[in-house]
All heavy atoms as atom14 arrays in JSON, in Angstrom:
{
  "sequence": "PWVDTAPSPHLVRAAKMITWGQADAGHQCPISMTYAVVPALRH",
  "atom14_mask": [
    [1, 1, 1, 1, 1, 1, 1, 0, 0, 0, 0, 0, 0, 0],
    [1, 1, 1, 1, 1, 1, 1, 1, 1, 1, 1, 1, 1, 1],
    [1, 1, 1, 1, 1, 1, 1, 0, 0, 0, 0, 0, 0, 0],
    [1, 1, 1, 1, 1, 1, 1, 1, 0, 0, 0, 0, 0, 0],
    [1, 1, 1, 1, 1, 1, 1, 0, 0, 0, 0, 0, 0, 0],
    [1, 1, 1, 1, 1, 0, 0, 0, 0, 0, 0, 0, 0, 0],
    [1, 1, 1, 1, 1, 1, 1, 0, 0, 0, 0, 0, 0, 0],
    [1, 1, 1, 1, 1, 1, 0, 0, 0, 0, 0, 0, 0, 0],
    [1, 1, 1, 1, 1, 1, 1, 0, 0, 0, 0, 0, 0, 0],
    [1, 1, 1, 1, 1, 1, 1, 1, 1, 1, 0, 0, 0, 0],
    [1, 1, 1, 1, 1, 1, 1, 1, 0, 0, 0, 0, 0, 0],
    [1, 1, 1, 1, 1, 1, 1, 0, 0, 0, 0, 0, 0, 0],
    [1, 1, 1, 1, 1, 1, 1, 1, 1, 1, 1, 0, 0, 0],
    [1, 1, 1, 1, 1, 0, 0, 0, 0, 0, 0, 0, 0, 0],
    [1, 1, 1, 1, 1, 0, 0, 0, 0, 0, 0, 0, 0, 0],
    [1, 1, 1, 1, 1, 1, 1, 1, 1, 0, 0, 0, 0, 0],
    [1, 1, 1, 1, 1, 1, 1, 1, 0, 0, 0, 0, 0, 0],
    [1, 1, 1, 1, 1, 1, 1, 1, 0, 0, 0, 0, 0, 0],
    [1, 1, 1, 1, 1, 1, 1, 0, 0, 0, 0, 0, 0, 0],
    [1, 1, 1, 1, 1, 1, 1, 1, 1, 1, 1, 1, 1, 1],
    [1, 1, 1, 1, 0, 0, 0, 0, 0, 0, 0, 0, 0, 0],
    [1, 1, 1, 1, 1, 1, 1, 1, 1, 0, 0, 0, 0, 0],
    [1, 1, 1, 1, 1, 0, 0, 0, 0, 0, 0, 0, 0, 0],
    [1, 1, 1, 1, 1, 1, 1, 1, 0, 0, 0, 0, 0, 0],
    [1, 1, 1, 1, 1, 0, 0, 0, 0, 0, 0, 0, 0, 0],
    [1, 1, 1, 1, 0, 0, 0, 0, 0, 0, 0, 0, 0, 0],
    [1, 1, 1, 1, 1, 1, 1, 1, 1, 1, 0, 0, 0, 0],
    [1, 1, 1, 1, 1, 1, 1, 1, 1, 0, 0, 0, 0, 0],
    [1, 1, 1, 1, 1, 1, 0, 0, 0, 0, 0, 0, 0, 0],
    [1, 1, 1, 1, 1, 1, 1, 0, 0, 0, 0, 0, 0, 0],
    [1, 1, 1, 1, 1, 1, 1, 1, 0, 0, 0, 0, 0, 0],
    [1, 1, 1, 1, 1, 1, 0, 0, 0, 0, 0, 0, 0, 0],
    [1, 1, 1, 1, 1, 1, 1, 1, 0, 0, 0, 0, 0, 0],
    [1, 1, 1, 1, 1, 1, 1, 0, 0, 0, 0, 0, 0, 0],
    [1, 1, 1, 1, 1, 1, 1, 1, 1, 1, 1, 1, 0, 0],
    [1, 1, 1, 1, 1, 0, 0, 0, 0, 0, 0, 0, 0, 0],
    [1, 1, 1, 1, 1, 1, 1, 0, 0, 0, 0, 0, 0, 0],
    [1, 1, 1, 1, 1, 1, 1, 0, 0, 0, 0, 0, 0, 0],
    [1, 1, 1, 1, 1, 1, 1, 0, 0, 0, 0, 0, 0, 0],
    [1, 1, 1, 1, 1, 0, 0, 0, 0, 0, 0, 0, 0, 0],
    [1, 1, 1, 1, 1, 1, 1, 1, 0, 0, 0, 0, 0, 0],
    [1, 1, 1, 1, 1, 1, 1, 1, 1, 1, 1, 0, 0, 0],
    [1, 1, 1, 1, 1, 1, 1, 1, 1, 1, 0, 0, 0, 0]
  ],
  "atom14_positions": [
    [[54.78, -29.25, 237.12], [55.13, -27.84, 237.36], [54.46, -27.21, 238.57], [54.98, -26.24, 239.14], [54.68, -27.15, 236.06], [54.71, -28.21, 235.02], [54.31, -29.46, 235.74], [0.0, 0.0, 0.0], [0.0, 0.0, 0.0], [0.0, 0.0, 0.0], [0.0, 0.0, 0.0], [0.0, 0.0, 0.0], [0.0, 0.0, 0.0], [0.0, 0.0, 0.0]],
    [[53.31, -27.74, 238.98], [52.59, -27.14, 240.1], [53.27, -27.39, 241.44], [52.97, -26.69, 242.42], [51.15, -27.66, 240.13], [50.42, -27.35, 238.87], [50.09, -28.21, 237.86], [49.93, -26.07, 238.45], [49.44, -27.56, 236.84], [49.32, -26.24, 237.18], [49.95, -24.8, 239.02], [48.74, -25.18, 236.48], [49.37, -23.74, 238.32], [48.77, -23.93, 237.08]],
    [[54.18, -28.36, 241.49], [54.92, -28.61, 242.73], [56.42, -28.38, 242.54], [57.2, -28.6, 243.45], [54.67, -30.05, 243.25], [53.19, -30.26, 243.54], [55.17, -31.1, 242.25], [0.0, 0.0, 0.0], [0.0, 0.0, 0.0], [0.0, 0.0, 0.0], [0.0, 0.0, 0.0], [0.0, 0.0, 0.0], [0.0, 0.0, 0.0], [0.0, 0.0, 0.0]],
    [[56.8, -27.95, 241.34], [58.2, -27.72, 240.99], [58.65, -26.4, 241.6], [58.09, -25.34, 241.29], [58.33, -27.69, 239.46], [59.78, -27.59, 238.99], [60.67, -27.34, 239.82], [60.01, -27.75, 237.77], [0.0, 0.0, 0.0], [0.0, 0.0, 0.0], [0.0, 0.0, 0.0], [0.0, 0.0, 0.0], [0.0, 0.0, 0.0], [0.0, 0.0, 0.0]],
    [[59.65, -26.43, 242.47], [60.11, -25.22, 243.14], [61.3, -24.56, 242.45], [61.75, -23.49, 242.87], [60.49, -25.54, 244.6], [61.5, -26.56, 244.61], [59.29, -26.02, 245.4], [0.0, 0.0, 0.0], [0.0, 0.0, 0.0], [0.0, 0.0, 0.0], [0.0, 0.0, 0.0], [0.0, 0.0, 0.0], [0.0, 0.0, 0.0], [0.0, 0.0, 0.0]],
    [[61.8, -25.16, 241.39], [62.89, -24.56, 240.63], [62.35, -23.41, 239.78], [61.14, -23.3, 239.56], [63.57, -25.62, 239.75], [0.0, 0.0, 0.0], [0.0, 0.0, 0.0], [0.0, 0.0, 0.0], [0.0, 0.0, 0.0], [0.0, 0.0, 0.0], [0.0, 0.0, 0.0], [0.0, 0.0, 0.0], [0.0, 0.0, 0.0], [0.0, 0.0, 0.0]],
    [[63.22, -22.54, 239.27], [62.74, -21.38, 238.5], [61.99, -21.77, 237.23], [62.28, -22.79, 236.6], [64.04, -20.64, 238.14], [65.04, -21.1, 239.14], [64.69, -22.52, 239.45], [0.0, 0.0, 0.0], [0.0, 0.0, 0.0], [0.0, 0.0, 0.0], [0.0, 0.0, 0.0], [0.0, 0.0, 0.0], [0.0, 0.0, 0.0], [0.0, 0.0, 0.0]],
    [[61.01, -20.96, 236.89], [60.26, -21.04, 235.62], [59.71, -22.43, 235.32], [59.9, -22.96, 234.22], [61.17, -20.59, 234.47], [61.65, -19.28, 234.67], [0.0, 0.0, 0.0], [0.0, 0.0, 0.0], [0.0, 0.0, 0.0], [0.0, 0.0, 0.0], [0.0, 0.0, 0.0], [0.0, 0.0, 0.0], [0.0, 0.0, 0.0], [0.0, 0.0, 0.0]],
    [[58.98, -23.05, 236.24], [58.52, -24.42, 236.0], [57.59, -24.56, 234.79], [57.66, -25.55, 234.06], [57.82, -24.8, 237.3], [57.44, -23.5, 237.93], [58.53, -22.55, 237.56], [0.0, 0.0, 0.0], [0.0, 0.0, 0.0], [0.0, 0.0, 0.0], [0.0, 0.0, 0.0], [0.0, 0.0, 0.0], [0.0, 0.0, 0.0], [0.0, 0.0, 0.0]],
    [[56.71, -23.6, 234.57], [55.76, -23.71, 233.46], [56.44, -23.45, 232.12], [56.11, -24.1, 231.11], [54.58, -22.76, 233.68], [53.75, -23.12, 234.87], [52.8, -24.11, 234.85], [53.78, -22.64, 236.15], [52.24, -24.22, 236.05], [52.83, -23.35, 236.85], [0.0, 0.0, 0.0], [0.0, 0.0, 0.0], [0.0, 0.0, 0.0], [0.0, 0.0, 0.0]],
    [[57.37, -22.53, 232.09], [58.13, -22.29, 230.86], [58.99, -23.49, 230.51], [59.04, -23.92, 229.35], [59.01, -21.04, 231.02], [59.97, -20.77, 229.86], [59.22, -20.56, 228.55], [60.85, -19.56, 230.18], [0.0, 0.0, 0.0], [0.0, 0.0, 0.0], [0.0, 0.0, 0.0], [0.0, 0.0, 0.0], [0.0, 0.0, 0.0], [0.0, 0.0, 0.0]],
    [[59.67, -24.05, 231.5], [60.53, -25.22, 231.23], [59.67, -26.4, 230.78], [60.04, -27.12, 229.84], [61.34, -25.58, 232.49], [62.07, -26.91, 232.31], [62.35, -24.47, 232.78], [0.0, 0.0, 0.0], [0.0, 0.0, 0.0], [0.0, 0.0, 0.0], [0.0, 0.0, 0.0], [0.0, 0.0, 0.0], [0.0, 0.0, 0.0], [0.0, 0.0, 0.0]],
    [[58.54, -26.57, 231.4], [57.62, -27.64, 230.98], [57.19, -27.42, 229.54], [57.13, -28.36, 228.74], [56.42, -27.67, 231.92], [55.39, -28.74, 231.62], [54.17, -28.14, 230.95], [53.16, -29.15, 230.67], [52.1, -28.93, 229.91], [51.91, -27.74, 229.37], [51.23, -29.89, 229.68], [0.0, 0.0, 0.0], [0.0, 0.0, 0.0], [0.0, 0.0, 0.0]],
    [[56.87, -26.17, 229.16], [56.46, -25.88, 227.79], [57.58, -26.17, 226.81], [57.35, -26.72, 225.72], [56.03, -24.42, 227.68], [0.0, 0.0, 0.0], [0.0, 0.0, 0.0], [0.0, 0.0, 0.0], [0.0, 0.0, 0.0], [0.0, 0.0, 0.0], [0.0, 0.0, 0.0], [0.0, 0.0, 0.0], [0.0, 0.0, 0.0], [0.0, 0.0, 0.0]],
    [[58.8, -25.81, 227.17], [59.94, -26.09, 226.29], [60.12, -27.59, 226.08], [60.43, -28.06, 224.97], [61.2, -25.47, 226.88], [0.0, 0.0, 0.0], [0.0, 0.0, 0.0], [0.0, 0.0, 0.0], [0.0, 0.0, 0.0], [0.0, 0.0, 0.0], [0.0, 0.0, 0.0], [0.0, 0.0, 0.0], [0.0, 0.0, 0.0], [0.0, 0.0, 0.0]],
    [[59.93, -28.35, 227.15], [60.03, -29.82, 227.02], [58.87, -30.38, 226.22], [59.02, -31.34, 225.45], [60.1, -30.46, 228.42], [61.43, -30.19, 229.11], [61.59, -31.02, 230.38], [60.78, -30.5, 231.52], [61.08, -31.22, 232.8], [0.0, 0.0, 0.0], [0.0, 0.0, 0.0], [0.0, 0.0, 0.0], [0.0, 0.0, 0.0], [0.0, 0.0, 0.0]],
    [[57.68, -29.8, 226.38], [56.52, -30.25, 225.61], [56.75, -30.12, 224.12], [56.4, -31.0, 223.33], [55.27, -29.44, 226.0], [54.58, -29.89, 227.25], [53.57, -31.39, 227.04], [52.14, -30.75, 226.21], [0.0, 0.0, 0.0], [0.0, 0.0, 0.0], [0.0, 0.0, 0.0], [0.0, 0.0, 0.0], [0.0, 0.0, 0.0], [0.0, 0.0, 0.0]],
    [[57.34, -28.99, 223.69], [57.49, -28.77, 222.25], [58.72, -29.47, 221.68], [58.89, -29.49, 220.46], [57.48, -27.27, 221.9], [58.64, -26.53, 222.53], [56.16, -26.64, 222.28], [58.7, -25.06, 222.11], [0.0, 0.0, 0.0], [0.0, 0.0, 0.0], [0.0, 0.0, 0.0], [0.0, 0.0, 0.0], [0.0, 0.0, 0.0], [0.0, 0.0, 0.0]],
    [[59.56, -30.04, 222.53], [60.62, -30.91, 222.01], [60.15, -32.36, 221.99], [60.25, -33.04, 220.96], [61.9, -30.77, 222.85], [61.59, -30.99, 224.24], [62.5, -29.4, 222.71], [0.0, 0.0, 0.0], [0.0, 0.0, 0.0], [0.0, 0.0, 0.0], [0.0, 0.0, 0.0], [0.0, 0.0, 0.0], [0.0, 0.0, 0.0], [0.0, 0.0, 0.0]],
    [[59.59, -32.83, 223.1], [59.09, -34.21, 223.16], [57.89, -34.39, 222.24], [57.65, -35.48, 221.71], [58.71, -34.57, 224.6], [58.02, -35.9, 224.71], [56.71, -36.11, 225.04], [58.57, -37.19, 224.44], [56.42, -37.46, 225.02], [57.55, -38.14, 224.65], [59.84, -37.64, 224.06], [57.76, -39.51, 224.49], [60.05, -39.01, 223.88], [59.02, -39.92, 224.1]],
    [[57.16, -33.34, 221.98], [55.9, -33.43, 221.24], [56.01, -34.01, 219.85], [55.02, -34.48, 219.29], [0.0, 0.0, 0.0], [0.0, 0.0, 0.0], [0.0, 0.0, 0.0], [0.0, 0.0, 0.0], [0.0, 0.0, 0.0], [0.0, 0.0, 0.0], [0.0, 0.0, 0.0], [0.0, 0.0, 0.0], [0.0, 0.0, 0.0], [0.0, 0.0, 0.0]],
    [[57.2, -33.98, 219.25], [57.32, -34.5, 217.89], [57.18, -36.02, 217.83], [56.92, -36.57, 216.77], [58.65, -34.08, 217.28], [59.88, -34.77, 217.82], [61.14, -34.3, 217.1], [61.28, -33.14, 216.75], [62.06, -35.22, 216.86], [0.0, 0.0, 0.0], [0.0, 0.0, 0.0], [0.0, 0.0, 0.0], [0.0, 0.0, 0.0], [0.0, 0.0, 0.0]],
    [[57.31, -36.7, 218.97], [57.21, -38.16, 218.96], [55.77, -38.6, 218.65], [55.56, -39.53, 217.87], [57.67, -38.74, 220.3], [0.0, 0.0, 0.0], [0.0, 0.0, 0.0], [0.0, 0.0, 0.0], [0.0, 0.0, 0.0], [0.0, 0.0, 0.0], [0.0, 0.0, 0.0], [0.0, 0.0, 0.0], [0.0, 0.0, 0.0], [0.0, 0.0, 0.0]],
    [[54.8, -37.95, 219.27], [53.39, -38.3, 219.07], [52.53, -37.24, 219.73], [52.82, -36.8, 220.84], [53.08, -39.67, 219.7], [51.59, -39.98, 219.71], [51.03, -40.21, 218.63], [51.0, -39.97, 220.81], [0.0, 0.0, 0.0], [0.0, 0.0, 0.0], [0.0, 0.0, 0.0], [0.0, 0.0, 0.0], [0.0, 0.0, 0.0], [0.0, 0.0, 0.0]],
    [[51.49, -36.84, 219.04], [50.6, -35.81, 219.59], [49.5, -36.39, 220.48], [49.12, -35.79, 221.48], [49.97, -35.0, 218.46], [0.0, 0.0, 0.0], [0.0, 0.0, 0.0], [0.0, 0.0, 0.0], [0.0, 0.0, 0.0], [0.0, 0.0, 0.0], [0.0, 0.0, 0.0], [0.0, 0.0, 0.0], [0.0, 0.0, 0.0], [0.0, 0.0, 0.0]],
    [[48.99, -37.57, 220.13], [47.82, -38.1, 220.8], [47.98, -38.33, 222.28], [47.1, -37.97, 223.08], [0.0, 0.0, 0.0], [0.0, 0.0, 0.0], [0.0, 0.0, 0.0], [0.0, 0.0, 0.0], [0.0, 0.0, 0.0], [0.0, 0.0, 0.0], [0.0, 0.0, 0.0], [0.0, 0.0, 0.0], [0.0, 0.0, 0.0], [0.0, 0.0, 0.0]],
    [[49.11, -38.9, 222.69], [49.26, -39.22, 224.12], [49.39, -37.96, 224.96], [49.24, -38.01, 226.19], [50.46, -40.14, 224.34], [51.79, -39.43, 224.35], [52.39, -38.96, 223.2], [52.63, -39.1, 225.36], [53.54, -38.38, 223.51], [53.71, -38.45, 224.82], [0.0, 0.0, 0.0], [0.0, 0.0, 0.0], [0.0, 0.0, 0.0], [0.0, 0.0, 0.0]],
    [[49.63, -36.82, 224.31], [49.77, -35.59, 225.07], [48.42, -35.01, 225.51], [48.38, -34.09, 226.32], [50.55, -34.55, 224.26], [52.0, -34.99, 224.07], [52.86, -33.88, 223.53], [53.3, -32.99, 224.27], [53.12, -33.91, 222.25], [0.0, 0.0, 0.0], [0.0, 0.0, 0.0], [0.0, 0.0, 0.0], [0.0, 0.0, 0.0], [0.0, 0.0, 0.0]],
    [[47.34, -35.59, 225.01], [46.01, -35.14, 225.46], [45.81, -35.42, 226.95], [45.53, -34.49, 227.73], [44.93, -35.79, 224.62], [43.25, -35.46, 225.21], [0.0, 0.0, 0.0], [0.0, 0.0, 0.0], [0.0, 0.0, 0.0], [0.0, 0.0, 0.0], [0.0, 0.0, 0.0], [0.0, 0.0, 0.0], [0.0, 0.0, 0.0], [0.0, 0.0, 0.0]],
    [[45.95, -36.66, 227.43], [45.82, -36.88, 228.88], [46.91, -36.19, 229.69], [46.67, -35.77, 230.83], [45.88, -38.4, 229.03], [46.54, -38.9, 227.78], [46.12, -37.95, 226.71], [0.0, 0.0, 0.0], [0.0, 0.0, 0.0], [0.0, 0.0, 0.0], [0.0, 0.0, 0.0], [0.0, 0.0, 0.0], [0.0, 0.0, 0.0], [0.0, 0.0, 0.0]],
    [[48.1, -36.06, 229.11], [49.17, -35.34, 229.78], [48.76, -33.89, 229.99], [48.92, -33.32, 231.08], [50.47, -35.43, 228.95], [51.01, -36.87, 228.95], [51.52, -34.45, 229.48], [51.44, -37.38, 230.29], [0.0, 0.0, 0.0], [0.0, 0.0, 0.0], [0.0, 0.0, 0.0], [0.0, 0.0, 0.0], [0.0, 0.0, 0.0], [0.0, 0.0, 0.0]],
    [[48.2, -33.28, 228.95], [47.77, -31.88, 229.03], [46.65, -31.7, 230.04], [46.65, -30.75, 230.83], [47.33, -31.41, 227.64], [46.87, -30.08, 227.69], [0.0, 0.0, 0.0], [0.0, 0.0, 0.0], [0.0, 0.0, 0.0], [0.0, 0.0, 0.0], [0.0, 0.0, 0.0], [0.0, 0.0, 0.0], [0.0, 0.0, 0.0], [0.0, 0.0, 0.0]],
    [[45.66, -32.59, 230.02], [44.54, -32.45, 230.95], [44.98, -32.65, 232.4], [44.47, -31.99, 233.31], [43.42, -33.41, 230.57], [42.72, -33.03, 229.29], [41.17, -33.92, 228.99], [41.78, -35.57, 228.74], [0.0, 0.0, 0.0], [0.0, 0.0, 0.0], [0.0, 0.0, 0.0], [0.0, 0.0, 0.0], [0.0, 0.0, 0.0], [0.0, 0.0, 0.0]],
    [[45.94, -33.52, 232.62], [46.45, -33.73, 233.97], [47.21, -32.5, 234.45], [47.14, -32.13, 235.64], [47.35, -34.99, 234.01], [46.59, -36.12, 233.54], [47.85, -35.27, 235.41], [0.0, 0.0, 0.0], [0.0, 0.0, 0.0], [0.0, 0.0, 0.0], [0.0, 0.0, 0.0], [0.0, 0.0, 0.0], [0.0, 0.0, 0.0], [0.0, 0.0, 0.0]],
    [[47.91, -31.85, 233.55], [48.56, -30.57, 233.87], [47.52, -29.51, 234.19], [47.63, -28.76, 235.17], [49.4, -30.15, 232.66], [49.9, -28.73, 232.67], [50.79, -28.28, 233.64], [49.51, -27.84, 231.67], [51.27, -26.97, 233.63], [49.99, -26.54, 231.64], [50.87, -26.12, 232.61], [51.34, -24.82, 232.59], [0.0, 0.0, 0.0], [0.0, 0.0, 0.0]],
    [[46.48, -29.45, 233.37], [45.52, -28.35, 233.44], [44.54, -28.48, 234.59], [43.94, -27.48, 235.01], [44.74, -28.27, 232.12], [0.0, 0.0, 0.0], [0.0, 0.0, 0.0], [0.0, 0.0, 0.0], [0.0, 0.0, 0.0], [0.0, 0.0, 0.0], [0.0, 0.0, 0.0], [0.0, 0.0, 0.0], [0.0, 0.0, 0.0], [0.0, 0.0, 0.0]],
    [[44.34, -29.67, 235.12], [43.29, -29.88, 236.12], [43.62, -29.26, 237.47], [42.72, -28.93, 238.25], [43.0, -31.4, 236.29], [44.07, -32.07, 237.12], [41.63, -31.62, 236.92], [0.0, 0.0, 0.0], [0.0, 0.0, 0.0], [0.0, 0.0, 0.0], [0.0, 0.0, 0.0], [0.0, 0.0, 0.0], [0.0, 0.0, 0.0], [0.0, 0.0, 0.0]],
    [[44.89, -29.08, 237.76], [45.3, -28.7, 239.12], [44.67, -27.39, 239.58], [44.08, -27.33, 240.67], [46.83, -28.68, 239.23], [47.27, -28.09, 240.58], [47.39, -30.09, 239.07], [0.0, 0.0, 0.0], [0.0, 0.0, 0.0], [0.0, 0.0, 0.0], [0.0, 0.0, 0.0], [0.0, 0.0, 0.0], [0.0, 0.0, 0.0], [0.0, 0.0, 0.0]],
    [[44.76, -26.28, 238.83], [44.15, -25.04, 239.33], [42.64, -25.13, 239.52], [42.09, -24.48, 240.42], [44.53, -23.99, 238.28], [44.93, -24.77, 237.07], [45.46, -26.06, 237.55], [0.0, 0.0, 0.0], [0.0, 0.0, 0.0], [0.0, 0.0, 0.0], [0.0, 0.0, 0.0], [0.0, 0.0, 0.0], [0.0, 0.0, 0.0], [0.0, 0.0, 0.0]],
    [[41.97, -25.92, 238.68], [40.52, -26.09, 238.85], [40.23, -26.93, 240.09], [39.31, -26.6, 240.87], [39.92, -26.74, 237.61], [0.0, 0.0, 0.0], [0.0, 0.0, 0.0], [0.0, 0.0, 0.0], [0.0, 0.0, 0.0], [0.0, 0.0, 0.0], [0.0, 0.0, 0.0], [0.0, 0.0, 0.0], [0.0, 0.0, 0.0], [0.0, 0.0, 0.0]],
    [[40.99, -27.99, 240.31], [40.76, -28.87, 241.46], [40.96, -28.14, 242.77], [40.36, -28.5, 243.8], [41.68, -30.09, 241.37], [41.4, -31.24, 242.34], [40.02, -31.85, 242.07], [42.48, -32.31, 242.23], [0.0, 0.0, 0.0], [0.0, 0.0, 0.0], [0.0, 0.0, 0.0], [0.0, 0.0, 0.0], [0.0, 0.0, 0.0], [0.0, 0.0, 0.0]],
    [[41.76, -27.1, 242.76], [42.04, -26.35, 243.98], [40.8, -25.62, 244.5], [40.83, -25.09, 245.61], [43.18, -25.37, 243.74], [44.54, -26.07, 243.66], [45.67, -25.12, 243.31], [46.96, -25.81, 243.33], [48.12, -25.25, 242.96], [48.14, -23.99, 242.53], [49.25, -25.93, 243.02], [0.0, 0.0, 0.0], [0.0, 0.0, 0.0], [0.0, 0.0, 0.0]],
    [[39.73, -25.59, 243.71], [38.47, -25.03, 244.21], [37.82, -25.95, 245.24], [36.83, -25.56, 245.87], [37.51, -24.77, 243.05], [37.89, -23.56, 242.24], [37.44, -22.3, 242.54], [38.7, -23.43, 241.16], [37.95, -21.44, 241.67], [38.71, -22.1, 240.82], [0.0, 0.0, 0.0], [0.0, 0.0, 0.0], [0.0, 0.0, 0.0], [0.0, 0.0, 0.0]]
  ]
}
């Protein structure tokens, strides 16, 4: 989402997260941290 130029990238990502999320919760931990690291790394 941080490089997605289409409308509402974070909302669309969230909608996909809560649909795909039913398959397994555990693997979404590294997925979430990789999403979350970008604004901090920009320091």
